[in-house]
Protein backbone atom coordinates (compact mmCIF):
# COMPACT_ATOMS: atom_id res chain seq x y z
CA MET A 1 97.67 71.96 113.28
CA TYR A 2 96.51 74.64 110.93
CA TRP A 3 98.45 77.42 110.74
CA GLN A 4 95.19 79.61 112.69
CA GLU A 5 96.43 77.92 115.68
CA LEU A 6 99.62 78.56 114.93
CA TYR A 7 99.26 81.92 114.11
CA GLN A 8 96.92 82.33 117.37
CA GLN A 9 100.27 81.00 119.11
CA LYS A 10 103.11 83.29 117.86
CA LEU A 11 101.32 86.57 118.10
CA THR A 12 102.83 88.08 120.55
CA ALA A 13 102.88 92.30 121.79
CA ALA A 14 105.54 94.10 120.69
CA ASP A 15 107.62 94.83 123.60
CA GLN A 16 107.52 91.28 124.41
CA ALA A 17 109.29 90.60 120.65
CA VAL A 18 111.85 92.84 120.67
CA ARG A 19 112.66 91.28 124.23
CA GLN A 20 113.87 88.19 122.36
CA ILE A 21 117.19 90.10 121.08
CA LYS A 22 119.29 89.51 123.77
CA SER A 23 123.35 91.48 123.80
CA GLY A 24 125.57 91.50 120.69
CA ASP A 25 123.21 89.66 118.66
CA ARG A 26 123.00 89.97 115.32
CA VAL A 27 119.61 92.35 113.69
CA VAL A 28 118.50 91.97 109.72
CA VAL A 29 115.78 95.13 108.87
CA ALA A 30 114.21 94.75 106.70
CA HIS A 31 114.65 97.22 104.16
CA ALA A 32 113.71 100.99 102.72
CA THR A 33 109.82 101.77 103.00
CA GLY A 34 108.85 98.28 103.80
CA GLU A 35 110.82 99.21 107.47
CA PRO A 36 108.62 97.41 110.61
CA THR A 37 108.99 100.72 112.02
CA VAL A 38 106.77 99.37 115.32
CA LEU A 39 109.06 96.68 116.14
CA ILE A 40 112.68 99.47 115.86
CA ASP A 41 110.59 101.83 117.63
CA GLU A 42 110.25 99.47 120.40
CA MET A 43 113.59 98.19 119.93
CA VAL A 44 115.08 101.46 120.64
CA LYS A 45 112.18 102.28 123.96
CA ASN A 46 114.23 98.98 124.89
CA ALA A 47 117.41 99.98 124.54
CA SER A 48 118.26 100.06 127.42
CA GLN A 49 118.36 96.34 128.08
CA TYR A 50 120.91 95.70 125.05
CA GLU A 51 124.74 95.88 124.99
CA ASN A 52 126.04 96.22 121.31
CA VAL A 53 123.49 94.93 119.13
CA GLU A 54 124.72 95.13 115.40
CA MET A 55 122.11 96.95 113.32
CA ILE A 56 122.66 95.49 109.28
CA HIS A 57 121.14 97.53 107.70
CA MET A 58 121.02 99.14 103.64
CA VAL A 59 118.87 102.06 103.09
CA ALA A 60 117.38 103.39 105.69
CA MET A 61 114.31 105.15 105.36
CA GLY A 62 112.70 105.26 108.91
CA ALA A 63 114.05 107.99 111.67
CA ALA A 64 117.29 105.45 112.23
CA GLU A 65 116.71 106.28 115.89
CA TYR A 66 119.27 103.41 117.74
CA CYS A 67 122.47 105.54 115.14
CA LYS A 68 122.04 108.55 118.10
CA PRO A 69 124.48 109.41 120.18
CA GLU A 70 122.96 108.36 123.59
CA PHE A 71 122.03 105.01 122.19
CA SER A 72 126.07 104.37 121.60
CA LYS A 73 126.53 101.11 123.56
CA ASN A 74 123.33 100.05 123.04
CA PHE A 75 123.21 99.49 118.91
CA HIS A 76 125.97 99.37 116.42
CA HIS A 77 124.41 100.50 112.50
CA ASN A 78 126.46 98.05 109.92
CA SER A 79 124.92 100.67 106.82
CA LEU A 80 125.20 99.09 103.59
CA PHE A 81 124.10 101.93 101.70
CA VAL A 82 124.76 105.36 103.75
CA GLY A 83 120.67 107.63 104.20
CA ASN A 84 119.69 110.34 105.92
CA SER A 85 118.75 108.86 109.04
CA THR A 86 122.39 107.12 108.97
CA ARG A 87 124.74 109.29 107.06
CA GLN A 88 125.84 111.38 109.93
CA ALA A 89 126.37 108.09 112.25
CA VAL A 90 128.63 106.68 109.81
CA ALA A 91 130.45 110.20 109.47
CA GLU A 92 131.17 110.29 113.03
CA GLY A 93 132.35 106.95 113.26
CA ARG A 94 129.61 105.53 115.62
CA ALA A 95 128.56 103.89 112.41
CA GLU A 96 130.60 101.24 109.66
CA PHE A 97 129.92 101.33 106.26
CA THR A 98 130.28 98.20 103.81
CA PRO A 99 130.84 98.08 100.88
CA VAL A 100 128.61 94.84 99.24
CA PHE A 101 126.96 94.47 95.62
CA PHE A 102 123.26 94.60 96.40
CA SER A 103 123.06 91.62 94.54
CA GLU A 104 125.57 89.49 96.45
CA ILE A 105 123.87 90.43 100.26
CA PRO A 106 121.96 87.03 100.18
CA GLN A 107 125.06 85.13 99.64
CA TRP A 108 127.05 87.62 102.46
CA LEU A 109 123.99 86.84 104.94
CA ARG A 110 123.84 82.27 104.34
CA THR A 111 127.34 81.99 103.83
CA GLU A 112 129.03 84.79 106.33
CA LEU A 113 126.85 86.79 108.65
CA TRP A 114 124.06 84.25 109.96
CA PRO A 115 121.85 87.02 111.31
CA ASP A 116 120.71 86.18 114.85
CA VAL A 117 117.10 88.02 114.55
CA ALA A 118 115.75 89.16 110.76
CA LEU A 119 112.83 92.14 112.01
CA ILE A 120 109.86 91.91 108.60
CA HIS A 121 107.52 93.34 107.41
CA VAL A 122 104.64 91.97 105.97
CA SER A 123 100.85 91.37 104.87
CA PRO A 124 98.55 89.57 106.84
CA PRO A 125 98.36 86.27 105.75
CA ASP A 126 96.64 83.66 103.16
CA GLU A 127 94.13 81.64 102.55
CA HIS A 128 97.21 78.78 102.95
CA GLY A 129 98.74 80.53 105.64
CA TYR A 130 101.71 82.46 103.29
CA CYS A 131 103.09 86.16 104.78
CA SER A 132 103.97 87.88 101.15
CA PHE A 133 107.25 90.41 102.31
CA GLY A 134 105.31 93.04 100.16
CA ILE A 135 107.20 96.17 98.90
CA SER A 136 110.94 94.92 100.74
CA VAL A 137 111.68 91.46 98.87
CA ASP A 138 115.26 91.92 97.88
CA TYR A 139 117.56 90.40 101.16
CA THR A 140 114.39 90.72 103.81
CA LYS A 141 113.46 87.26 102.08
CA PRO A 142 117.17 85.91 102.33
CA ALA A 143 117.74 87.58 105.83
CA ALA A 144 114.14 85.33 106.71
CA GLU A 145 115.51 82.61 106.14
CA CYS A 146 118.45 81.31 107.59
CA ALA A 147 118.18 83.72 110.98
CA LYS A 148 117.71 82.78 113.78
CA THR A 149 115.09 84.44 115.26
CA VAL A 150 111.98 85.76 112.83
CA ILE A 151 110.08 88.25 114.49
CA ALA A 152 107.33 89.76 111.83
CA GLN A 153 105.43 92.73 111.88
CA VAL A 154 101.92 91.85 110.28
CA ASN A 155 100.25 94.62 108.92
CA PRO A 156 97.27 94.82 106.94
CA GLN A 157 98.63 98.18 104.86
CA MET A 158 101.45 95.72 103.49
CA PRO A 159 100.48 94.91 99.88
CA ARG A 160 100.03 91.50 98.79
CA THR A 161 102.88 90.99 96.32
CA LEU A 162 103.09 88.29 93.68
CA GLY A 163 106.13 86.37 92.80
CA ASP A 164 108.56 84.52 95.17
CA SER A 165 107.34 86.45 97.48
CA PHE A 166 106.06 85.03 100.73
CA ILE A 167 106.98 83.01 103.94
CA SER A 168 105.07 81.03 105.86
CA VAL A 169 103.31 81.29 109.46
CA GLU A 170 105.20 77.40 110.58
CA ASP A 171 108.04 80.29 108.99
CA ILE A 172 108.03 83.15 111.92
CA ASP A 173 109.05 82.93 115.77
CA TYR A 174 106.86 86.18 117.45
CA ILE A 175 104.13 87.84 115.47
CA VAL A 176 103.39 91.42 115.92
CA GLU A 177 100.49 92.66 114.34
CA ALA A 178 100.57 96.29 113.98
CA ASP A 179 97.62 97.85 111.44
CA ALA A 180 100.33 100.86 110.98
CA PRO A 181 100.94 103.72 107.60
CA LEU A 182 103.75 101.92 105.68
CA ILE A 183 106.86 104.99 104.98
CA GLU A 184 105.97 107.20 101.93
CA LEU A 185 108.37 108.47 99.72
CA ALA A 186 106.85 111.22 97.93
CA PRO A 187 107.84 111.95 93.56
CA PRO A 188 110.03 114.85 93.64
CA LYS A 189 109.48 118.39 91.82
CA LEU A 190 111.57 118.34 88.61
CA THR A 191 113.42 121.08 87.41
CA GLU A 192 113.88 122.05 83.92
CA VAL A 193 118.24 120.48 84.43
CA GLU A 194 116.55 117.32 84.75
CA MET A 195 113.94 117.54 83.10
CA ALA A 196 116.88 118.38 80.14
CA ILE A 197 118.55 115.59 81.45
CA GLY A 198 115.33 113.17 81.25
CA ARG A 199 114.37 114.26 77.85
CA ASN A 200 118.29 112.92 76.51
CA CYS A 201 117.88 110.03 78.51
CA ALA A 202 114.56 109.46 76.63
CA SER A 203 116.03 109.46 73.63
CA LEU A 204 118.34 106.47 73.84
CA VAL A 205 114.81 104.39 74.68
CA ARG A 206 113.45 102.63 72.17
CA ASP A 207 109.79 100.48 71.74
CA GLY A 208 110.32 97.58 73.28
CA ASP A 209 113.19 98.09 75.81
CA THR A 210 113.61 96.08 78.79
CA LEU A 211 113.83 99.07 81.93
CA GLN A 212 116.34 99.63 84.85
CA LEU A 213 115.62 102.86 86.80
CA GLY A 214 116.18 104.00 90.48
CA ILE A 215 115.39 106.85 92.45
CA GLY A 216 115.28 110.13 92.61
CA ALA A 217 113.80 113.65 89.88
CA ILE A 218 116.25 112.00 87.43
CA PRO A 219 114.50 108.34 87.39
CA ASP A 220 111.18 110.47 87.33
CA ALA A 221 112.26 112.62 84.94
CA VAL A 222 113.22 109.75 82.38
CA LEU A 223 109.60 108.40 82.76
CA MET A 224 107.82 111.42 81.38
CA CYS A 225 109.90 111.51 78.50
CA LEU A 226 108.78 107.99 77.65
CA LYS A 227 105.32 108.54 76.92
CA ASP A 228 105.51 108.18 72.86
CA LYS A 229 107.51 104.39 72.91
CA LYS A 230 105.80 101.25 73.19
CA ASP A 231 106.15 98.07 74.64
CA LEU A 232 108.54 98.92 77.60
CA GLY A 233 109.17 96.88 79.96
CA ILE A 234 110.35 96.50 83.85
CA HIS A 235 113.39 94.73 85.15
CA SER A 236 114.86 96.83 87.90
CA GLU A 237 115.67 96.64 91.41
CA MET A 238 112.93 98.79 92.16
CA PHE A 239 110.20 100.93 91.28
CA SER A 240 108.12 103.93 92.15
CA ASP A 241 104.72 105.78 90.90
CA GLY A 242 106.10 106.95 87.21
CA VAL A 243 105.65 102.87 86.53
CA VAL A 244 102.23 103.21 87.09
CA ASP A 245 101.71 106.25 84.73
CA LEU A 246 102.80 104.68 82.25
CA VAL A 247 101.37 101.58 82.71
CA GLU A 248 98.38 103.00 82.60
CA ALA A 249 99.43 105.22 79.43
CA GLY A 250 99.62 101.76 77.32
CA VAL A 251 103.74 102.56 77.68
CA ILE A 252 104.43 99.81 79.75
CA THR A 253 103.03 96.18 78.83
CA ASN A 254 106.16 93.79 78.97
CA ARG A 255 105.33 92.13 76.09
CA ARG A 256 108.70 91.67 74.06
CA LYS A 257 110.01 90.55 77.58
CA ASN A 258 112.85 87.41 77.32
CA VAL A 259 112.72 87.05 80.87
CA ASN A 260 109.31 87.35 83.13
CA PRO A 261 107.05 88.68 80.18
CA GLY A 262 103.98 90.20 80.96
CA LYS A 263 105.14 90.68 84.26
CA SER A 264 107.13 94.61 86.04
CA VAL A 265 110.04 92.34 87.89
CA ALA A 266 111.54 94.21 90.47
CA ALA A 267 113.16 93.26 94.55
CA PHE A 268 111.63 96.05 96.26
CA LEU A 269 109.30 99.11 96.36
CA MET A 270 109.02 103.21 96.46
CA GLY A 271 106.63 105.14 97.04
CA THR A 272 103.60 106.39 97.87
CA ARG A 273 100.48 104.61 98.90
CA ARG A 274 99.17 104.79 94.82
CA LEU A 275 102.16 102.17 94.40
CA TYR A 276 101.50 100.24 97.12
CA ASP A 277 97.30 99.92 95.60
CA TYR A 278 98.50 99.01 92.27
CA VAL A 279 100.75 95.88 93.26
CA ASP A 280 98.90 94.61 95.88
CA ASN A 281 97.85 90.95 94.03
CA ASN A 282 98.51 92.66 91.00
CA PRO A 283 100.09 89.05 89.03
CA ALA A 284 101.38 92.44 86.44
CA VAL A 285 104.13 92.89 89.04
CA ALA A 286 106.74 90.37 90.35
CA MET A 287 108.48 90.74 92.82
CA TYR A 288 112.22 88.25 94.29
CA PRO A 289 114.73 88.24 96.33
CA VAL A 290 117.85 90.60 94.91
CA ASP A 291 120.09 87.99 94.15
CA TYR A 292 117.90 86.61 91.13
CA VAL A 293 116.78 90.17 89.48
CA ASN A 294 120.25 91.60 90.62
CA ASP A 295 122.12 88.63 89.19
CA PRO A 296 123.82 90.20 85.59
CA ARG A 297 123.25 86.71 84.55
CA VAL A 298 119.54 86.94 84.92
CA ILE A 299 119.71 90.15 83.63
CA CYS A 300 121.47 90.34 80.79
CA ARG A 301 119.08 87.75 79.39
CA ASN A 302 116.57 90.11 78.35
CA ASP A 303 117.92 91.85 75.32
CA ASN A 304 118.04 95.56 74.84
CA LEU A 305 118.12 95.80 78.74
CA VAL A 306 118.30 99.76 79.49
CA SER A 307 119.98 101.21 82.74
CA ILE A 308 120.19 104.32 83.68
CA ASN A 309 121.72 105.54 86.88
CA SER A 310 122.68 108.85 88.69
CA CYS A 311 126.37 109.71 89.93
CA VAL A 312 128.15 112.13 91.50
CA GLN A 313 130.95 112.04 89.37
CA VAL A 314 132.85 111.23 85.98
CA ASP A 315 135.96 111.86 85.41
CA LEU A 316 138.06 112.44 81.86
CA MET A 317 138.91 108.75 81.95
CA GLY A 318 135.20 107.46 81.99
CA GLN A 319 135.71 106.59 86.21
CA VAL A 320 132.40 106.83 88.04
CA VAL A 321 131.86 108.11 91.39
CA SER A 322 128.00 107.52 93.02
CA SER A 323 128.32 106.69 96.53
CA SER A 324 130.90 108.87 98.15
CA VAL A 325 132.09 113.08 98.17
CA GLY A 326 136.31 112.49 98.93
CA LEU A 327 136.58 110.14 101.93
CA LYS A 328 132.55 110.53 102.74
CA GLN A 329 130.34 108.18 102.41
CA ILE A 330 127.09 109.33 101.27
CA SER A 331 125.20 106.67 99.85
CA GLY A 332 126.33 103.04 98.50
CA VAL A 333 126.75 101.18 95.21
CA GLY A 334 123.32 99.57 95.65
CA GLY A 335 122.94 97.53 92.37
CA GLN A 336 123.95 100.40 89.41
CA VAL A 337 127.23 97.62 89.03
CA ASP A 338 124.82 94.88 88.77
CA PHE A 339 122.45 96.32 85.82
CA VAL A 340 125.83 98.61 84.70
CA ARG A 341 127.62 94.93 83.53
CA GLY A 342 124.39 93.29 82.82
CA ALA A 343 123.15 95.65 80.41
CA ASN A 344 126.39 95.18 79.08
CA MET A 345 126.16 92.09 78.35
CA SER A 346 122.55 91.71 77.19
CA ARG A 347 122.04 92.00 73.50
CA GLY A 348 121.55 96.14 72.42
CA GLY A 349 121.68 96.63 75.75
CA ARG A 350 122.58 99.77 76.96
CA THR A 351 123.45 101.60 79.83
CA ILE A 352 123.50 104.91 81.20
CA MET A 353 125.14 107.68 83.68
CA ALA A 354 122.54 110.69 84.41
CA MET A 355 123.62 114.11 86.03
CA PRO A 356 123.37 117.41 86.32
CA SER A 357 126.34 119.31 84.72
CA THR A 358 126.77 121.30 88.09
CA ALA A 359 126.52 120.57 92.03
CA ALA A 360 126.36 122.89 94.45
CA HIS A 361 123.78 125.36 92.31
CA GLY A 362 126.23 125.61 90.28
CA LYS A 363 129.49 126.09 92.57
CA PHE A 364 131.03 123.00 90.40
CA SER A 365 131.26 120.27 87.73
CA LYS A 366 130.74 117.15 88.16
CA ILE A 367 132.82 116.43 85.34
CA ILE A 368 136.20 116.97 86.40
CA PRO A 369 139.99 116.29 85.41
CA PHE A 370 140.91 114.84 88.43
CA LEU A 371 138.26 112.36 91.38
CA ASP A 372 138.25 113.90 94.42
CA LYS A 373 141.27 112.75 96.58
CA GLY A 374 139.78 109.48 98.61
CA ALA A 375 136.20 108.92 96.01
CA ALA A 376 135.16 105.51 95.32
CA VAL A 377 135.18 105.07 91.87
CA THR A 378 131.08 102.95 91.79
CA THR A 379 132.05 102.45 87.45
CA SER A 380 134.62 101.39 86.43
CA ARG A 381 135.67 103.27 82.81
CA ASN A 382 135.58 99.90 81.46
CA ASP A 383 132.31 99.09 82.37
CA VAL A 384 130.85 102.73 81.30
CA ASP A 385 128.55 103.65 78.29
CA TYR A 386 127.13 106.65 77.92
CA VAL A 387 127.45 109.94 79.75
CA VAL A 388 123.89 112.09 79.80
CA THR A 389 123.83 115.53 80.83
CA GLU A 390 121.50 118.86 80.20
CA TYR A 391 123.72 119.80 78.19
CA GLY A 392 123.86 115.95 75.59
CA ILE A 393 125.34 112.48 75.19
CA ALA A 394 129.10 111.42 75.84
CA GLN A 395 129.41 108.04 74.11
CA LEU A 396 132.46 106.66 76.22
CA ARG A 397 132.20 102.84 74.95
CA TRP A 398 134.86 101.61 72.99
CA LYS A 399 136.27 105.09 72.64
CA THR A 400 140.48 106.01 73.11
CA LEU A 401 141.18 108.23 76.53
CA ARG A 402 141.11 111.42 74.05
CA ASP A 403 138.33 110.67 72.49
CA ARG A 404 136.89 110.25 75.40
CA ALA A 405 137.82 113.52 77.37
CA LYS A 406 136.46 115.37 74.09
CA ALA A 407 133.34 113.71 74.98
CA LEU A 408 133.43 114.45 78.22
CA ILE A 409 133.96 117.97 77.89
CA GLY A 410 131.26 118.37 75.57
CA ILE A 411 128.37 118.25 78.10
CA ALA A 412 129.74 119.82 80.53
CA HIS A 413 128.49 123.14 81.96
CA PRO A 414 129.52 126.49 79.40
CA ASP A 415 131.31 127.56 82.66
CA PHE A 416 133.44 124.99 83.19
CA ARG A 417 134.84 123.70 79.90
CA PRO A 418 137.93 126.28 79.51
CA ARG A 419 139.38 124.84 82.76
CA LEU A 420 138.86 120.90 81.85
CA LEU A 421 139.79 121.72 77.85
CA GLN A 422 143.27 123.52 79.47
CA GLU A 423 143.46 119.55 81.09
CA PHE A 424 142.65 118.32 77.84
CA GLU A 425 145.77 120.17 75.98
CA THR A 426 147.48 119.54 78.85
CA ARG A 427 146.92 115.51 78.43
CA PHE A 428 146.86 114.15 74.89
CA ARG A 429 149.28 117.33 73.22
């Protein structure tokens, strides 16, 4: 049977497709801006037919209405990375948070979780009957490979990305056609503080380095400050519009990468339509599942891998908190530790933790004597290399506790240095 016949047989209305979800099912949702919004909206409309459906999702970029109090008996969200639309539900106990390294989610899906349903979002099939996972390959493709039922939103607005990014029509159970805009993430407005941090980070990047960058103002500021570099590469769990600027400027060429030379490698993408159009059918971009992209054993095979991540707090020993404020969960570990360890093992690699020196409009220092009560350490003091603020760069790797504390105080906000120096004198007298 030709794939076109199979496609027509599996074509289903959205309301009929989501009725395949049963009470008590475990449902894995495609990640971030790759959310199948039409399927999720239809599922929420059908909420009265469900009881205790477990919604497993990493960064939810949509409304996440299944987290609303009125649906607490219908859905129970298991968050792998708390975001804006899920944070309140987690804080109020209507949703759970599971700590997990991004690179290990596929293994968890295959060996422990065994999802009942995968809700995925893909491009229309090519001439051979293969749809692309587009901007969300990461754990979405592994979920589709092990779920009992796969429901796909097929969207002509989803770019066809290359790499290990495909699923056959044969492996989809229900197909819902929906021509709908993808979720977009507009570039943030950058302040002078963020630009100063970007310049400091950029000073640690050399020609020919391969970069991992997170999402947000600081990574965008770093990218803006790299325009004088040459032959940079990308091996990153994700990237956004700023990478396109550097490709067009001839800065990112991927020529000097040891692994996947000539290609920008990522597991998912978050940005605007400009980014999505750039990656569409682009042989210079390769998308892979996260257990490849974020595997430290793969990461370290690229020489001069520079990992740049943001954080919430750093104490005077160099312990890094990135996912919580005290006991309040605000995000997750994501790929930070995956890339820190991979970069530390890379020949010539460097890891950078970048943050403004203060929070809450200058009320609190982010460099602190002791972590907040209940705060979870994301990156251990043994793994940290560079810490960067707008006031400078502190290199901590292989330094004594005394020298670490001294270096960190030197890049703290001047208003908080006297208190930090007082602690230093008490601790190291």
